[in-house]
C-alpha atoms as a PDB file:
ATOM      1  CA  THR A   1     -40.377 -10.779-128.641  1.00  0.00           C
ATOM      2  CA  VAL A   2     -39.568 -12.304-125.277  1.00  0.00           C
ATOM      3  CA  LEU A   3     -36.407 -13.066-123.379  1.00  0.00           C
ATOM      4  CA  ASN A   4     -36.745 -16.682-122.305  1.00  0.00           C
ATOM      5  CA  TYR A   5     -38.419 -19.964-123.106  1.00  0.00           C
ATOM      6  CA  PHE A   6     -40.979 -19.685-120.284  1.00  0.00           C
ATOM      7  CA  TYR A   7     -42.374 -16.455-121.666  1.00  0.00           C
ATOM      8  CA  CYS A   8     -42.153 -17.822-125.218  1.00  0.00           C
ATOM      9  CA  SER A   9     -44.475 -20.662-124.232  1.00  0.00           C
ATOM     10  CA  LEU A  10     -46.746 -18.331-122.249  1.00  0.00           C
ATOM     11  CA  THR A  11     -47.014 -15.862-125.126  1.00  0.00           C
ATOM     12  CA  GLN A  12     -47.769 -18.556-127.668  1.00  0.00           C
ATOM     13  CA  PHE A  13     -50.414 -20.097-125.401  1.00  0.00           C
ATOM     14  CA  ASN A  14     -52.214 -16.862-124.551  1.00  0.00           C
ATOM     15  CA  LEU A  15     -51.865 -14.951-127.812  1.00  0.00           C
ATOM     16  CA  HIS A  16     -51.791 -17.896-130.224  1.00  0.00           C
ATOM     17  CA  SER A  17     -48.876 -16.203-131.905  1.00  0.00           C
ATOM     18  CA  PRO A  18     -45.286 -17.332-132.396  1.00  0.00           C
ATOM     19  CA  ALA A  19     -42.823 -15.758-129.988  1.00  0.00           C
ATOM     20  CA  ILE A  20     -39.218 -15.023-130.811  1.00  0.00           C
ATOM     21  CA  LYS A  21     -36.600 -15.594-128.152  1.00  0.00           C
ATOM     22  CA  VAL A  22     -33.953 -12.862-127.937  1.00  0.00           C
ATOM     23  CA  LEU A  23     -31.126 -12.021-125.569  1.00  0.00           C
ATOM     24  CA  ASP A  24     -31.627  -9.742-122.598  1.00  0.00           C
ATOM     25  CA  PRO A  25     -30.739  -6.198-123.811  1.00  0.00           C
ATOM     26  CA  THR A  26     -27.795  -6.073-121.397  1.00  0.00           C
ATOM     27  CA  PHE A  27     -26.012  -8.550-123.666  1.00  0.00           C
ATOM     28  CA  LEU A  28     -26.429  -6.387-126.768  1.00  0.00           C
ATOM     29  CA  LEU A  29     -23.703  -3.929-125.759  1.00  0.00           C
ATOM     30  CA  SER A  30     -20.130  -5.031-126.305  1.00  0.00           C
ATOM     31  CA  LYS A  31     -17.586  -5.708-123.594  1.00  0.00           C
ATOM     32  CA  GLU A  32     -15.704  -2.632-124.797  1.00  0.00           C
ATOM     33  CA  SER A  33     -18.765  -0.421-124.274  1.00  0.00           C
ATOM     34  CA  TYR A  34     -18.896  -1.380-120.611  1.00  0.00           C
ATOM     35  CA  MET A  35     -15.121  -1.284-120.206  1.00  0.00           C
ATOM     36  CA  ASN A  36     -15.068   2.312-121.426  1.00  0.00           C
ATOM     37  CA  LEU A  37     -16.919   3.299-118.251  1.00  0.00           C
ATOM     38  CA  CYS A  38     -14.536   1.515-115.886  1.00  0.00           C
ATOM     39  CA  PRO A  39     -11.434   3.745-116.209  1.00  0.00           C
ATOM     40  CA  LYS A  40     -13.435   6.554-114.604  1.00  0.00           C
ATOM     41  CA  CYS A  41     -13.232   4.670-111.295  1.00  0.00           C
ATOM     42  CA  LYS A  42     -10.233   3.180-109.542  1.00  0.00           C
ATOM     43  CA  PRO A  43     -10.237  -0.184-107.756  1.00  0.00           C
ATOM     44  CA  LEU A  44     -11.198   0.265-104.113  1.00  0.00           C
ATOM     45  CA  THR A  45      -8.275  -1.828-102.898  1.00  0.00           C
ATOM     46  CA  SER A  46      -4.816  -2.562-104.246  1.00  0.00           C
ATOM     47  CA  GLN A  47      -5.106  -6.196-103.135  1.00  0.00           C
ATOM     48  CA  PRO A  48      -6.835  -9.027-105.037  1.00  0.00           C
ATOM     49  CA  TYR A  49     -10.414  -9.250-103.835  1.00  0.00           C
ATOM     50  CA  VAL A  50     -13.726 -11.076-103.972  1.00  0.00           C
ATOM     51  CA  PHE A  51     -16.677  -8.874-104.910  1.00  0.00           C
ATOM     52  CA  ILE A  52     -20.107  -9.649-103.454  1.00  0.00           C
ATOM     53  CA  TYR A  53     -22.978  -7.927-105.227  1.00  0.00           C
ATOM     54  CA  SER A  54     -25.472  -8.347-102.408  1.00  0.00           C
ATOM     55  CA  LEU A  55     -28.929  -8.027-103.955  1.00  0.00           C
ATOM     56  CA  ASN A  56     -31.912  -9.758-102.321  1.00  0.00           C
ATOM     57  CA  ILE A  57     -29.701 -11.209 -99.580  1.00  0.00           C
ATOM     58  CA  GLN A  58     -31.321 -11.050 -96.142  1.00  0.00           C
ATOM     59  CA  SER A  59     -28.707 -12.951 -94.140  1.00  0.00           C
ATOM     60  CA  CYS A  60     -25.073 -13.867 -94.594  1.00  0.00           C
ATOM     61  CA  ASP A  61     -26.226 -17.476 -94.320  1.00  0.00           C
ATOM     62  CA  ASP A  62     -28.137 -17.019 -97.591  1.00  0.00           C
ATOM     63  CA  ILE A  63     -24.826 -17.241 -99.445  1.00  0.00           C
ATOM     64  CA  ARG A  64     -22.999 -19.602 -97.032  1.00  0.00           C
ATOM     65  CA  PHE A  65     -20.761 -16.709 -96.046  1.00  0.00           C
ATOM     66  CA  GLU A  66     -18.883 -18.586 -93.327  1.00  0.00           C
ATOM     67  CA  GLU A  67     -17.607 -20.976 -95.986  1.00  0.00           C
ATOM     68  CA  LEU A  68     -16.886 -18.160 -98.429  1.00  0.00           C
ATOM     69  CA  ASN A  69     -15.052 -16.156 -95.785  1.00  0.00           C
ATOM     70  CA  SER A  70     -12.850 -19.149 -94.975  1.00  0.00           C
ATOM     71  CA  TYR A  71     -11.910 -19.337 -98.652  1.00  0.00           C
ATOM     72  CA  ILE A  72     -11.200 -15.590 -98.730  1.00  0.00           C
ATOM     73  CA  GLN A  73      -8.972 -15.822 -95.654  1.00  0.00           C
ATOM     74  CA  CYS A  74      -7.095 -18.874 -96.941  1.00  0.00           C
ATOM     75  CA  GLN A  75      -6.406 -17.119-100.239  1.00  0.00           C
ATOM     76  CA  HIS A  76      -5.413 -13.864 -98.471  1.00  0.00           C
ATOM     77  CA  LEU A  77      -7.984 -11.865-100.415  1.00  0.00           C
ATOM     78  CA  ASP A  78      -9.801  -8.652 -99.617  1.00  0.00           C
ATOM     79  CA  LEU A  79     -13.587  -8.427 -99.681  1.00  0.00           C
ATOM     80  CA  VAL A  80     -15.581  -5.694-101.438  1.00  0.00           C
ATOM     81  CA  VAL A  81     -19.373  -5.640-101.076  1.00  0.00           C
ATOM     82  CA  THR A  82     -22.062  -3.586-102.786  1.00  0.00           C
ATOM     83  CA  PRO A  83     -25.337  -3.885-100.826  1.00  0.00           C
ATOM     84  CA  ALA A  84     -28.317  -3.091-103.049  1.00  0.00           C
ATOM     85  CA  ASP A  85     -32.062  -2.780-102.573  1.00  0.00           C
ATOM     86  CA  GLY A  86     -34.281  -5.298-104.340  1.00  0.00           C
ATOM     87  CA  TYR A  87     -36.938  -7.482-102.788  1.00  0.00           C
ATOM     88  CA  THR A  88     -35.285  -6.538 -99.505  1.00  0.00           C
ATOM     89  CA  GLN A  89     -33.258  -3.558 -98.327  1.00  0.00           C
ATOM     90  CA  GLY A  90     -29.509  -3.817 -98.845  1.00  0.00           C
ATOM     91  CA  GLN A  91     -27.597  -4.349 -95.602  1.00  0.00           C
ATOM     92  CA  GLU A  92     -24.000  -4.571 -94.406  1.00  0.00           C
ATOM     93  CA  LEU A  93     -24.118  -8.271 -93.564  1.00  0.00           C
ATOM     94  CA  PHE A  94     -20.546  -9.410 -94.035  1.00  0.00           C
ATOM     95  CA  GLY A  95     -18.580  -8.060 -91.111  1.00  0.00           C
ATOM     96  CA  LYS A  96     -16.295  -5.126 -90.471  1.00  0.00           C
ATOM     97  CA  GLN A  97     -13.492  -6.613 -92.553  1.00  0.00           C
ATOM     98  CA  ALA A  98     -15.510  -5.982 -95.721  1.00  0.00           C
ATOM     99  CA  LEU A  99     -15.145  -2.786 -97.727  1.00  0.00           C
ATOM    100  CA  TYR A 100     -18.697  -1.627 -98.454  1.00  0.00           C
ATOM    101  CA  SER A 101     -19.136   0.198-101.740  1.00  0.00           C
ATOM    102  CA  TYR A 102     -22.388   2.087-102.355  1.00  0.00           C
ATOM    103  CA  ALA A 103     -21.429   2.365-105.954  1.00  0.00           C
ATOM    104  CA  THR A 104     -22.366   4.412-108.982  1.00  0.00           C
ATOM    105  CA  VAL A 105     -22.881   2.354-112.132  1.00  0.00           C
ATOM    106  CA  GLU A 106     -19.315   3.124-113.171  1.00  0.00           C
ATOM    107  CA  GLN A 107     -17.882   2.065-109.803  1.00  0.00           C
ATOM    108  CA  TRP A 108     -20.062  -1.052-109.784  1.00  0.00           C
ATOM    109  CA  LEU A 109     -18.653  -2.076-113.168  1.00  0.00           C
ATOM    110  CA  SER A 110     -15.160  -1.329-111.871  1.00  0.00           C
ATOM    111  CA  ASN A 111     -15.827  -3.488-108.811  1.00  0.00           C
ATOM    112  CA  ILE A 112     -16.696  -6.373-111.127  1.00  0.00           C
ATOM    113  CA  VAL A 113     -13.976  -5.996-113.725  1.00  0.00           C
ATOM    114  CA  ASN A 114     -11.165  -5.626-111.168  1.00  0.00           C
ATOM    115  CA  SER A 115     -12.276  -8.515-108.969  1.00  0.00           C
ATOM    116  CA  LEU A 116     -10.741 -11.955-108.739  1.00  0.00           C
ATOM    117  CA  LEU A 117     -14.180 -13.483-108.218  1.00  0.00           C
ATOM    118  CA  VAL A 118     -17.780 -12.208-108.208  1.00  0.00           C
ATOM    119  CA  VAL A 119     -20.364 -13.774-105.880  1.00  0.00           C
ATOM    120  CA  THR A 120     -23.979 -12.783-106.453  1.00  0.00           C
ATOM    121  CA  ALA A 121     -27.635 -13.797-106.538  1.00  0.00           C
ATOM    122  CA  SER A 122     -28.348 -11.084-109.110  1.00  0.00           C
ATOM    123  CA  PHE A 123     -29.241 -11.599-112.769  1.00  0.00           C
ATOM    124  CA  HIS A 124     -27.358  -8.503-113.880  1.00  0.00           C
ATOM    125  CA  GLY A 125     -24.455  -9.324-111.583  1.00  0.00           C
ATOM    126  CA  VAL A 126     -24.093 -12.629-113.428  1.00  0.00           C
ATOM    127  CA  VAL A 127     -24.658 -11.108-116.874  1.00  0.00           C
ATOM    128  CA  LEU A 128     -22.056  -8.366-116.414  1.00  0.00           C
ATOM    129  CA  SER A 129     -19.569 -10.876-115.000  1.00  0.00           C
ATOM    130  CA  ILE A 130     -20.033 -12.905-118.180  1.00  0.00           C
ATOM    131  CA  ILE A 131     -19.736  -9.912-120.504  1.00  0.00           C
ATOM    132  CA  LEU A 132     -16.632  -8.650-118.670  1.00  0.00           C
ATOM    133  CA  GLU A 133     -15.198 -12.192-118.513  1.00  0.00           C
ATOM    134  CA  ARG A 134     -14.825 -12.325-114.754  1.00  0.00           C
ATOM    135  CA  PRO A 135     -15.034 -15.606-112.813  1.00  0.00           C
ATOM    136  CA  PHE A 136     -18.261 -15.710-110.839  1.00  0.00           C
ATOM    137  CA  ILE A 137     -20.366 -17.874-108.557  1.00  0.00           C
ATOM    138  CA  TYR A 138     -24.128 -17.656-108.752  1.00  0.00           C
ATOM    139  CA  VAL A 139     -26.054 -18.220-105.516  1.00  0.00           C
ATOM    140  CA  PRO A 140     -29.714 -19.045-106.300  1.00  0.00           C
ATOM    141  CA  LEU A 141     -32.397 -17.358-104.229  1.00  0.00           C
ATOM    142  CA  SER A 142     -34.518 -19.556-101.989  1.00  0.00           C
ATOM    143  CA  GLY A 143     -37.992 -19.281-100.519  1.00  0.00           C
ATOM    144  CA  SER A 144     -40.597 -16.881-101.859  1.00  0.00           C
ATOM    145  CA  HIS A 145     -38.172 -15.204-104.273  1.00  0.00           C
ATOM    146  CA  SER A 146     -36.857 -18.402-105.863  1.00  0.00           C
ATOM    147  CA  GLY A 147     -38.982 -17.777-108.955  1.00  0.00           C
ATOM    148  CA  SER A 148     -36.439 -15.121-109.945  1.00  0.00           C
ATOM    149  CA  ASN A 149     -33.827 -17.813-110.530  1.00  0.00           C
ATOM    150  CA  GLY A 150     -35.431 -18.949-113.775  1.00  0.00           C
ATOM    151  CA  ARG A 151     -33.946 -16.528-116.276  1.00  0.00           C
ATOM    152  CA  ILE A 152     -30.474 -16.733-114.732  1.00  0.00           C
ATOM    153  CA  LEU A 153     -30.519 -20.514-114.814  1.00  0.00           C
ATOM    154  CA  GLU A 154     -31.622 -20.412-118.445  1.00  0.00           C
ATOM    155  CA  VAL A 155     -28.720 -18.133-119.397  1.00  0.00           C
ATOM    156  CA  LEU A 156     -26.231 -20.341-117.559  1.00  0.00           C
ATOM    157  CA  ASN A 157     -27.646 -23.464-119.182  1.00  0.00           C
ATOM    158  CA  PHE A 158     -27.513 -21.885-122.654  1.00  0.00           C
ATOM    159  CA  LEU A 159     -23.879 -20.830-122.162  1.00  0.00           C
ATOM    160  CA  GLY A 160     -22.753 -24.096-120.558  1.00  0.00           C
ATOM    161  CA  LEU A 161     -22.034 -22.387-117.234  1.00  0.00           C
ATOM    162  CA  THR A 162     -24.219 -24.371-114.843  1.00  0.00           C
ATOM    163  CA  ASP A 163     -21.063 -25.442-113.023  1.00  0.00           C
ATOM    164  CA  ARG A 164     -20.880 -21.856-111.674  1.00  0.00           C
ATOM    165  CA  ILE A 165     -24.005 -22.402-109.554  1.00  0.00           C
ATOM    166  CA  LEU A 166     -23.477 -22.870-105.816  1.00  0.00           C
ATOM    167  CA  THR A 167     -25.383 -26.034-104.936  1.00  0.00           C
ATOM    168  CA  ALA A 168     -25.501 -28.164-101.798  1.00  0.00           C
ATOM    169  CA  ASP A 169     -22.958 -30.606-103.206  1.00  0.00           C
ATOM    170  CA  LYS A 170     -20.422 -27.964-104.318  1.00  0.00           C
ATOM    171  CA  THR A 171     -17.997 -25.761-102.398  1.00  0.00           C
ATOM    172  CA  TYR A 172     -16.849 -22.228-103.100  1.00  0.00           C
ATOM    173  CA  LYS A 173     -13.289 -23.455-103.486  1.00  0.00           C
ATOM    174  CA  GLU A 174     -14.291 -26.082-106.024  1.00  0.00           C
ATOM    175  CA  ILE A 175     -16.197 -23.617-108.200  1.00  0.00           C
ATOM    176  CA  ALA A 176     -13.690 -20.773-107.836  1.00  0.00           C
ATOM    177  CA  GLN A 177     -10.797 -22.956-108.951  1.00  0.00           C
ATOM    178  CA  ALA A 178     -12.588 -24.208-112.060  1.00  0.00           C
ATOM    179  CA  ASN A 179     -11.661 -22.409-115.279  1.00  0.00           C
ATOM    180  CA  ILE A 180     -14.175 -20.831-117.638  1.00  0.00           C
ATOM    181  CA  ASN A 181     -13.630 -21.284-121.381  1.00  0.00           C
ATOM    182  CA  TRP A 182     -14.474 -17.750-122.418  1.00  0.00           C
ATOM    183  CA  LYS A 183     -13.997 -18.486-126.121  1.00  0.00           C
ATOM    184  CA  VAL A 184     -16.776 -21.074-126.048  1.00  0.00           C
ATOM    185  CA  VAL A 185     -19.008 -18.720-124.066  1.00  0.00           C
ATOM    186  CA  ASN A 186     -18.370 -15.769-126.371  1.00  0.00           C
ATOM    187  CA  ASP A 187     -18.937 -17.839-129.513  1.00  0.00           C
ATOM    188  CA  LYS A 188     -22.393 -18.824-128.240  1.00  0.00           C
ATOM    189  CA  LEU A 189     -23.178 -15.253-127.243  1.00  0.00           C
ATOM    190  CA  SER A 190     -21.982 -13.827-130.547  1.00  0.00           C
ATOM    191  CA  GLN A 191     -24.356 -15.934-132.630  1.00  0.00           C
ATOM    192  CA  SER A 192     -27.339 -15.222-130.395  1.00  0.00           C
ATOM    193  CA  LYS A 193     -26.468 -11.530-130.195  1.00  0.00           C
ATOM    194  CA  GLN A 194     -26.380 -11.263-133.972  1.00  0.00           C
ATOM    195  CA  GLU A 195     -29.786 -12.927-134.311  1.00  0.00           C
ATOM    196  CA  SER A 196     -31.257 -10.709-131.580  1.00  0.00           C
ATOM    197  CA  ILE A 197     -29.983  -7.478-133.125  1.00  0.00           C
ATOM    198  CA  GLU A 198     -31.116  -8.487-136.612  1.00  0.00           C
ATOM    199  CA  TYR A 199     -34.590  -9.192-135.304  1.00  0.00           C
ATOM    200  CA  LEU A 200     -34.718  -5.945-133.327  1.00  0.00           C
ATOM    201  CA  ASN A 201     -33.704  -3.910-136.370  1.00  0.00           C
ATOM    202  CA  LYS A 202     -36.271  -5.728-138.526  1.00  0.00           C
ATOM    203  CA  LEU A 203     -39.035  -5.292-135.959  1.00  0.00           C
ATOM    204  CA  LEU A 204     -38.516  -1.553-135.577  1.00  0.00           C
ATOM    205  CA  GLY A 205     -37.805  -0.939-139.242  1.00  0.00           C
ATOM    206  CA  VAL A 206     -34.677   1.044-138.447  1.00  0.00           C
ATOM    207  CA  VAL A 207     -31.106   0.238-137.569  1.00  0.00           C
ATOM    208  CA  VAL A 208     -31.102   0.885-133.824  1.00  0.00           C
ATOM    209  CA  CYS A 209     -28.144  -1.404-133.244  1.00  0.00           C
ATOM    210  CA  LYS A 210     -25.224  -2.238-135.479  1.00  0.00           C
ATOM    211  CA  LEU A 211     -23.819  -5.768-135.721  1.00  0.00           C
END
């Protein structure tokens, strides 16, 4: 079992065996399961805010922060940031006006679910935004770490969410103001989730997950 088409092809080529594509395990828990953790933590601000999950970001320019900050100011929003260590050490890159949250898992989920918009280069930042039905903008990594974009781009393509990717010809305002049809997204996820859980239960010979 593998999680994306690239590894499916690689597995079939090297092992001469069919590979089954399944969802990333993060998707196998329900929205309610994650939401049950959120009430343990309060929102960090009473004002509407943008949440930046800053993983693998070395400079504010990596996410076109000047443009994003202009949007935040125009919309009179607060800014909450969780710096995290990945390929690089997490840093406070986004000015003194930002509220930096070195969050527990519960607080991190709360930061996402209570936000008006999530901005991130992180796979799990995108995945949890989707599960929790929060508008998001994905900023692809560039340079030596750009290979990490693959599985995120595949998920977004599968779910019809490629319009949430920040590209050179799109602005933050344009993406942020576009609506997401969560029913369409959840219908696609539901079918794939069912197939993934059925296969997992069959593979292990026990019911480890219920549909």
